[in-house]
Protein backbone atom coordinates (compact mmCIF):
# COMPACT_ATOMS: atom_id res chain seq x y z
CA UNK A 1 9.23 -19.20 35.82
CA UNK A 2 6.14 -17.78 34.11
CA UNK A 3 2.79 -18.63 35.62
CA UNK A 4 0.62 -21.00 33.59
CA UNK A 5 -3.16 -21.30 33.49
CA UNK A 6 -3.22 -24.16 36.00
CA UNK A 7 -1.20 -22.21 38.57
CA UNK A 8 -3.26 -19.07 38.04
CA UNK A 9 -6.48 -21.05 38.53
CA UNK A 10 -5.14 -22.60 41.76
CA UNK A 11 -4.23 -19.17 43.18
CA UNK A 12 -7.72 -17.88 42.43
CA UNK A 13 -9.57 -20.99 43.57
CA UNK A 14 -11.41 -21.12 40.25
CA UNK A 15 -11.59 -23.70 37.50
CA UNK A 16 -9.24 -23.36 34.55
CA UNK A 17 -12.28 -23.04 32.28
CA UNK A 18 -13.65 -20.08 34.24
CA UNK A 19 -10.27 -18.34 34.29
CA UNK A 20 -9.78 -18.91 30.57
CA UNK A 21 -13.23 -17.57 29.73
CA UNK A 22 -12.69 -14.55 31.97
CA UNK A 23 -9.40 -13.70 30.27
CA UNK A 24 -10.98 -14.08 26.83
CA UNK A 25 -13.86 -11.73 27.63
CA UNK A 26 -16.77 -14.17 27.55
CA UNK A 27 -19.95 -12.55 28.87
CA UNK A 28 -21.02 -15.59 30.90
CA UNK A 29 -18.36 -14.60 33.47
CA UNK A 30 -19.37 -11.81 35.82
CA UNK A 31 -17.60 -8.45 35.62
CA UNK A 32 -16.44 -8.85 39.22
CA UNK A 33 -14.86 -12.25 38.54
CA UNK A 34 -13.30 -11.04 35.31
CA UNK A 35 -11.72 -8.07 37.10
CA UNK A 36 -10.37 -10.32 39.85
CA UNK A 37 -8.88 -12.75 37.31
CA UNK A 38 -7.30 -9.99 35.24
CA UNK A 39 -5.77 -8.36 38.31
CA UNK A 40 -4.24 -11.63 39.52
CA UNK A 41 -2.94 -12.37 36.02
CA UNK A 42 -1.17 -9.00 35.96
CA UNK A 43 0.31 -9.51 39.42
CA UNK A 44 1.67 -12.94 38.52
CA UNK A 45 2.86 -11.94 35.05
CA UNK A 46 0.63 -14.56 33.41
CA UNK A 47 1.18 -14.92 29.65
CA UNK A 48 -1.46 -16.95 27.81
CA UNK A 49 -0.52 -19.72 25.42
CA UNK A 50 -1.38 -17.95 22.17
CA UNK A 51 -1.66 -21.16 20.16
CA UNK A 52 -4.11 -22.65 22.65
CA UNK A 53 -6.06 -19.40 22.78
CA UNK A 54 -6.35 -19.28 19.01
CA UNK A 55 -7.61 -22.85 18.87
CA UNK A 56 -10.11 -22.22 21.65
CA UNK A 57 -11.46 -19.08 19.98
CA UNK A 58 -11.34 -20.47 16.45
CA UNK A 59 -9.24 -17.53 15.33
CA UNK A 60 -5.83 -17.07 13.76
CA UNK A 61 -5.08 -13.68 15.37
CA UNK A 62 -3.43 -12.73 12.10
CA UNK A 63 -4.07 -10.47 9.12
CA UNK A 64 -2.89 -11.49 5.66
CA UNK A 65 -1.29 -9.42 2.92
CA UNK A 66 -0.27 -11.06 -0.36
CA UNK A 67 2.27 -9.21 -2.49
CA UNK A 68 3.26 -10.09 -6.05
CA UNK A 69 6.68 -11.68 -6.10
CA UNK A 70 7.75 -9.92 -9.31
CA UNK A 71 6.54 -6.42 -8.49
CA UNK A 72 9.61 -5.21 -6.62
CA UNK A 73 7.65 -4.16 -3.53
CA UNK A 74 10.34 -5.21 -1.09
CA UNK A 75 12.63 -2.65 -2.72
CA UNK A 76 9.98 0.05 -2.40
CA UNK A 77 10.54 2.26 0.66
CA UNK A 78 6.92 3.48 0.56
CA UNK A 79 5.61 -0.06 0.71
CA UNK A 80 7.88 -0.84 3.64
CA UNK A 81 6.59 2.22 5.52
CA UNK A 82 3.02 1.00 5.02
CA UNK A 83 4.00 -2.45 6.29
CA UNK A 84 5.62 -0.87 9.34
CA UNK A 85 2.44 1.05 10.17
CA UNK A 86 0.30 -2.05 9.68
CA UNK A 87 2.55 -4.21 11.83
CA UNK A 88 2.80 -1.74 14.69
CA UNK A 89 -0.95 -1.18 14.89
CA UNK A 90 -1.76 -4.90 14.72
CA UNK A 91 0.88 -5.70 17.33
CA UNK A 92 -0.89 -3.32 19.73
CA UNK A 93 -3.88 -5.68 19.48
CA UNK A 94 -1.75 -8.85 19.75
CA UNK A 95 -2.29 -9.56 16.08
CA UNK A 96 0.31 -10.74 13.55
CA UNK A 97 0.77 -9.57 9.99
CA UNK A 98 1.26 -12.56 7.71
CA UNK A 99 3.04 -11.66 4.45
CA UNK A 100 2.71 -14.14 1.61
CA UNK A 101 4.27 -13.89 -1.84
CA UNK A 102 2.74 -15.08 -5.09
CA UNK A 103 3.04 -14.70 -8.82
CA UNK A 104 0.12 -12.81 -10.32
CA UNK A 105 -1.15 -15.88 -12.15
CA UNK A 106 -1.37 -17.89 -8.89
CA UNK A 107 -2.24 -15.06 -6.52
CA UNK A 108 -5.90 -15.99 -6.10
CA UNK A 109 -4.96 -19.54 -5.11
CA UNK A 110 -2.73 -18.09 -2.39
CA UNK A 111 -5.70 -16.18 -0.98
CA UNK A 112 -7.78 -19.34 -1.11
CA UNK A 113 -5.15 -21.32 0.82
CA UNK A 114 -4.87 -18.64 3.51
CA UNK A 115 -8.63 -18.51 3.98
CA UNK A 116 -9.45 -22.22 3.73
CA UNK A 117 -6.57 -23.05 6.08
CA UNK A 118 -7.87 -20.62 8.71
CA UNK A 119 -4.52 -18.84 8.77
CA UNK A 120 -5.90 -15.29 8.75
CA UNK A 121 -8.94 -13.49 10.18
CA UNK A 122 -8.88 -10.64 7.69
CA UNK A 123 -6.98 -9.41 4.64
CA UNK A 124 -5.39 -6.24 3.31
CA UNK A 125 -5.62 -6.27 -0.49
CA UNK A 126 -2.78 -4.26 -2.00
CA UNK A 127 -2.33 -2.89 -5.50
CA UNK A 128 -5.96 -3.20 -6.52
CA UNK A 129 -7.00 -3.81 -10.10
CA UNK A 130 -9.70 -2.19 -12.20
CA UNK A 131 -11.51 -5.54 -12.10
CA UNK A 132 -10.30 -7.44 -9.07
CA UNK A 133 -11.14 -11.13 -8.63
CA UNK A 134 -9.38 -11.19 -5.25
CA UNK A 135 -11.88 -8.75 -3.76
CA UNK A 136 -14.77 -10.60 -5.41
CA UNK A 137 -13.56 -13.84 -3.80
CA UNK A 138 -13.10 -12.36 -0.32
CA UNK A 139 -16.56 -10.78 -0.43
CA UNK A 140 -18.07 -14.07 -1.61
CA UNK A 141 -16.60 -16.06 1.30
CA UNK A 142 -17.33 -13.32 3.83
CA UNK A 143 -13.77 -12.53 4.96
CA UNK A 144 -13.22 -9.00 6.33
CA UNK A 145 -11.06 -6.96 4.00
CA UNK A 146 -9.66 -3.49 3.51
CA UNK A 147 -8.27 -2.61 0.11
CA UNK A 148 -5.26 -0.37 -0.36
CA UNK A 149 -6.76 1.27 -3.43
CA UNK A 150 -10.04 1.15 -5.33
CA UNK A 151 -11.53 -0.73 -8.27
CA UNK A 152 -13.89 0.27 -11.07
CA UNK A 153 -16.74 -0.68 -8.68
CA UNK A 154 -15.50 0.72 -5.34
CA UNK A 155 -18.71 0.94 -3.31
CA UNK A 156 -19.08 -2.59 -1.92
CA UNK A 157 -15.98 -2.84 0.31
CA UNK A 158 -13.79 -0.79 2.65
CA UNK A 159 -10.77 0.92 1.13
CA UNK A 160 -8.01 3.45 1.78
CA UNK A 161 -6.61 5.39 -1.16
CA UNK A 162 -5.07 8.59 -2.45
CA UNK A 163 -6.63 10.66 -5.23
CA UNK A 164 -4.44 9.35 -8.04
CA UNK A 165 -6.15 11.33 -10.79
CA UNK A 166 -5.76 14.61 -8.90
CA UNK A 167 -2.10 13.83 -8.23
CA UNK A 168 -1.33 13.39 -11.90
CA UNK A 169 -3.18 16.59 -12.75
CA UNK A 170 -0.82 18.34 -10.32
CA UNK A 171 2.21 16.88 -12.10
CA UNK A 172 1.07 18.00 -15.56
CA UNK A 173 0.16 21.47 -14.29
CA UNK A 174 3.69 21.90 -12.92
CA UNK A 175 5.23 21.01 -16.27
CA UNK A 176 2.83 23.18 -18.25
CA UNK A 177 3.45 26.16 -15.96
CA UNK A 178 7.17 25.87 -16.78
CA UNK A 179 6.39 26.02 -20.50
CA UNK A 180 6.61 22.33 -21.46
CA UNK A 181 4.50 21.13 -24.37
CA UNK A 182 6.08 17.77 -25.28
CA UNK A 183 5.52 15.76 -22.14
CA UNK A 184 6.47 12.08 -22.01
CA UNK A 185 4.67 9.64 -19.76
CA UNK A 186 5.78 6.26 -18.35
CA UNK A 187 3.07 4.22 -16.69
CA UNK A 188 2.39 0.95 -14.87
CA UNK A 189 0.09 -1.70 -16.42
CA UNK A 190 -3.33 -0.11 -16.89
CA UNK A 191 -5.08 -3.14 -15.40
CA UNK A 192 -3.95 -1.71 -12.05
CA UNK A 193 -6.47 0.79 -10.77
CA UNK A 194 -3.95 3.40 -9.64
CA UNK A 195 -2.33 3.37 -13.09
CA UNK A 196 -5.66 3.76 -14.87
CA UNK A 197 -6.61 6.63 -12.56
CA UNK A 198 -3.28 8.40 -13.00
CA UNK A 199 -3.42 8.06 -16.77
CA UNK A 200 -6.92 9.54 -16.73
CA UNK A 201 -5.51 12.49 -14.78
CA UNK A 202 -2.65 12.88 -17.25
CA UNK A 203 -5.02 12.94 -20.23
CA UNK A 204 -7.47 15.32 -18.52
CA UNK A 205 -4.76 17.79 -17.56
CA UNK A 206 -3.17 17.71 -21.01
CA UNK A 207 -6.56 18.37 -22.60
CA UNK A 208 -7.25 21.21 -20.17
CA UNK A 209 -3.93 22.78 -21.19
CA UNK A 210 -4.80 22.48 -24.88
CA UNK A 211 -2.03 19.93 -25.47
CA UNK A 212 -2.28 16.79 -27.57
CA UNK A 213 -1.01 13.54 -26.05
CA UNK A 214 1.62 12.15 -28.42
CA UNK A 215 1.23 8.32 -28.41
CA UNK A 216 4.96 7.98 -29.19
CA UNK A 217 5.74 9.63 -25.84
CA UNK A 218 3.47 7.38 -23.77
CA UNK A 219 5.22 4.12 -22.85
CA UNK A 220 4.36 1.35 -20.42
CA UNK A 221 7.22 1.33 -17.93
CA UNK A 222 6.09 -1.46 -15.63
CA UNK A 223 6.76 -1.72 -11.91
CA UNK A 224 10.47 -2.35 -11.62
CA UNK A 225 13.82 -0.64 -12.01
CA UNK A 226 14.60 -2.85 -15.00
CA UNK A 227 11.42 -2.07 -16.95
CA UNK A 228 11.61 1.61 -16.07
CA UNK A 229 15.20 1.76 -17.32
CA UNK A 230 14.23 0.09 -20.61
CA UNK A 231 11.19 2.37 -21.10
CA UNK A 232 13.26 5.52 -20.59
CA UNK A 233 15.88 4.25 -23.05
CA UNK A 234 13.09 3.74 -25.58
CA UNK A 235 11.93 7.34 -25.16
CA UNK A 236 15.47 8.67 -25.50
CA UNK A 237 15.97 6.67 -28.71
CA UNK A 238 12.87 8.12 -30.36
CA UNK A 239 13.04 10.61 -33.24
CA UNK A 240 12.05 13.53 -30.99
CA UNK A 241 12.73 13.56 -27.28
CA UNK A 242 10.20 15.02 -24.87
CA UNK A 243 11.25 18.10 -22.93
CA UNK A 244 9.59 16.72 -19.79
CA UNK A 245 8.87 13.28 -18.38
CA UNK A 246 6.32 12.15 -15.81
CA UNK A 247 6.55 8.64 -14.33
CA UNK A 248 3.48 7.25 -12.60
CA UNK A 249 5.24 5.05 -9.98
CA UNK A 250 8.48 5.18 -8.04
CA UNK A 251 9.74 1.70 -8.90
CA UNK A 252 9.68 2.48 -12.60
CA UNK A 253 10.89 5.99 -11.81
CA UNK A 254 14.08 4.76 -10.16
CA UNK A 255 15.02 2.86 -13.31
CA UNK A 256 14.01 5.72 -15.59
CA UNK A 257 16.12 8.26 -13.69
CA UNK A 258 19.10 5.87 -13.75
CA UNK A 259 18.71 5.51 -17.54
CA UNK A 260 18.73 9.29 -17.96
CA UNK A 261 21.83 9.64 -15.80
CA UNK A 262 23.56 6.79 -17.65
CA UNK A 263 22.82 8.58 -20.94
CA UNK A 264 24.36 11.81 -19.66
CA UNK A 265 21.07 13.73 -19.69
CA UNK A 266 21.18 16.88 -17.55
CA UNK A 267 18.02 16.33 -15.52
CA UNK A 268 16.26 19.59 -14.81
CA UNK A 269 17.96 21.40 -17.70
CA UNK A 270 17.78 19.16 -20.76
CA UNK A 271 14.82 17.16 -19.55
CA UNK A 272 12.51 17.82 -16.59
CA UNK A 273 11.31 14.88 -14.50
CA UNK A 274 8.53 14.28 -11.97
CA UNK A 275 8.13 10.83 -10.40
CA UNK A 276 4.99 9.82 -8.54
CA UNK A 277 6.06 8.88 -4.97
CA UNK A 278 9.59 10.15 -5.59
CA UNK A 279 13.03 8.58 -5.92
CA UNK A 280 15.26 7.76 -2.92
CA UNK A 281 18.41 9.83 -2.57
CA UNK A 282 20.71 6.81 -2.93
CA UNK A 283 19.64 6.44 -6.58
CA UNK A 284 20.70 10.00 -7.36
CA UNK A 285 23.80 12.08 -7.78
CA UNK A 286 24.78 14.30 -4.88
CA UNK A 287 22.67 17.44 -4.68
CA UNK A 288 19.91 16.12 -6.93
CA UNK A 289 16.32 15.90 -5.78
CA UNK A 290 13.61 14.55 -8.06
CA UNK A 291 10.35 16.50 -7.94
CA UNK A 292 7.49 14.24 -6.90
CA UNK A 293 3.82 13.82 -6.31
CA UNK A 294 3.91 12.70 -2.70
CA UNK A 295 1.67 10.57 -0.54
CA UNK A 296 3.36 11.62 2.68
CA UNK A 297 1.47 9.47 5.17
CA UNK A 298 2.64 5.96 4.26
CA UNK A 299 3.15 4.87 7.90
CA UNK A 300 -0.17 6.38 8.95
CA UNK A 301 -1.83 4.75 5.93
CA UNK A 302 -0.74 1.36 7.30
CA UNK A 303 -2.02 2.22 10.78
CA UNK A 304 -5.34 3.43 9.41
CA UNK A 305 -5.93 0.32 7.31
CA UNK A 306 -5.16 -1.85 10.34
CA UNK A 307 -7.63 0.12 12.46
CA UNK A 308 -10.32 -0.20 9.79
CA UNK A 309 -9.76 -3.95 9.44
CA UNK A 310 -9.70 -4.56 13.20
CA UNK A 311 -13.07 -2.82 13.50
CA UNK A 312 -14.52 -4.97 10.72
CA UNK A 313 -13.16 -8.17 12.29
CA UNK A 314 -14.76 -7.21 15.62
CA UNK A 315 -18.07 -6.64 13.88
CA UNK A 316 -18.07 -2.96 14.81
CA UNK A 317 -19.75 -0.35 12.60
CA UNK A 318 -17.37 1.42 10.25
CA UNK A 319 -19.16 4.61 9.18
CA UNK A 320 -16.17 5.90 7.22
CA UNK A 321 -15.54 2.90 4.96
CA UNK A 322 -13.84 4.93 2.24
CA UNK A 323 -10.79 7.07 3.03
CA UNK A 324 -9.55 9.23 0.15
CA UNK A 325 -6.54 11.45 0.86
CA UNK A 326 -5.08 14.14 -1.36
CA UNK A 327 -1.51 13.92 -2.69
CA UNK A 328 0.80 16.93 -2.72
CA UNK A 329 3.48 18.29 -5.02
CA UNK A 330 7.01 18.01 -3.61
CA UNK A 331 9.45 20.38 -5.34
CA UNK A 332 12.86 19.30 -6.57
CA UNK A 333 15.67 20.49 -8.83
CA UNK A 334 14.72 17.96 -11.50
CA UNK A 335 12.37 20.40 -13.24
CA UNK A 336 12.88 23.67 -15.06
CA UNK A 337 11.87 25.48 -18.27
CA UNK A 338 12.38 23.68 -21.58
CA UNK A 339 15.89 23.93 -22.97
CA UNK A 340 16.29 26.52 -25.72
CA UNK A 341 16.09 25.10 -29.23
C-alpha cells in the first residue's frame, strides 16, 4: 500500500505539518530537515494527495487553454502537435493542461469562469485577434498568460509567434518566380491577427513584384474544410480563373484542395497551390504533395510556451518575453509555371 502523510510523519518523528511544509518547499523548514523528509519520501514511495496539496497551496496546478468550438482545431494536426508539446512540458512539472471549448461569442465568459473558479493558475491564449478582449481581461485581473500569436498592441504581454507576414511574402515570391501574375488568395477572418499579418505580406509582396491585387481573386475562406471548399468553388466559378492560389491556413486549405480535386483541376499544371502550414497526405491523391509555408516546430512551440508560462507563474524574470520564429518554404509538386494560353 502507498505511504500516506501520517505514516511518513510517524517514520520521521515529525509533525504532519512540518513534513507537509518540507515537501512543499516552505522556507521556514531548514534545508537539513527538508532533505531528510524528501529522502524518506523517496524511499517509501510517498505520493502526495494532489487535491489536498492544491487546497493547501491555494493553487490549481493547471494551465488553461480555451479553443473555439467551431474553428476545427481538433482536426488540425498542427494544433494537436502544439497541445502535445504543452502537455508534456507541463506534466514534467506536475501540472495539468485544462482544455475548454467555447463559441466565440461566449469565449470571454469561459475565461472568466476558469479564473473566478480558481481552476487554472495561468492561461495560454490561442489564435489571437487584432484587438483581443481576452488578453485585456487576463491582464486586468493579473493572471499569468502567454499568447500563441500577437495583437495590434503586442508589447504588454508574453507571446510566441511566427513571422506571418514574412511567410506570406515567401509564398508570393515562389509564385512570381514561376511566372504567375494572376494569383488568387483565400484567407481567414481578418479580425484574427495571423490573418491580418499574412494578408499584409501578400499585398506587400504583390506590390513589390509590380502586380495588382485583383479583388475578385481575394476571398475569405474561413477556418474549416467546409468554408475552404466553398471559397475555392467560388474562385473556380469566376469569369477568369487565377493561375495560382495561396491559402493562408491549413484548415481552409484542406477544403480548397479537395474542391480543386473534385472539379478535376490538375494541381501543379492547370493551377498552382501553396497552403500555409500544408495539407496532410490523407487529403491528397497518391504522389501529390502540396507546397507549403511551414512552421516546423509545432511540438517545440508548445514546450516553449509552457516553459514561458511556468516561469511567469513562479514569478521568475522572463527576459525574452517575445519569441518570433521564421517560417520556411516547403517545396511540393503542387506548383509549376502557368499553363500555356
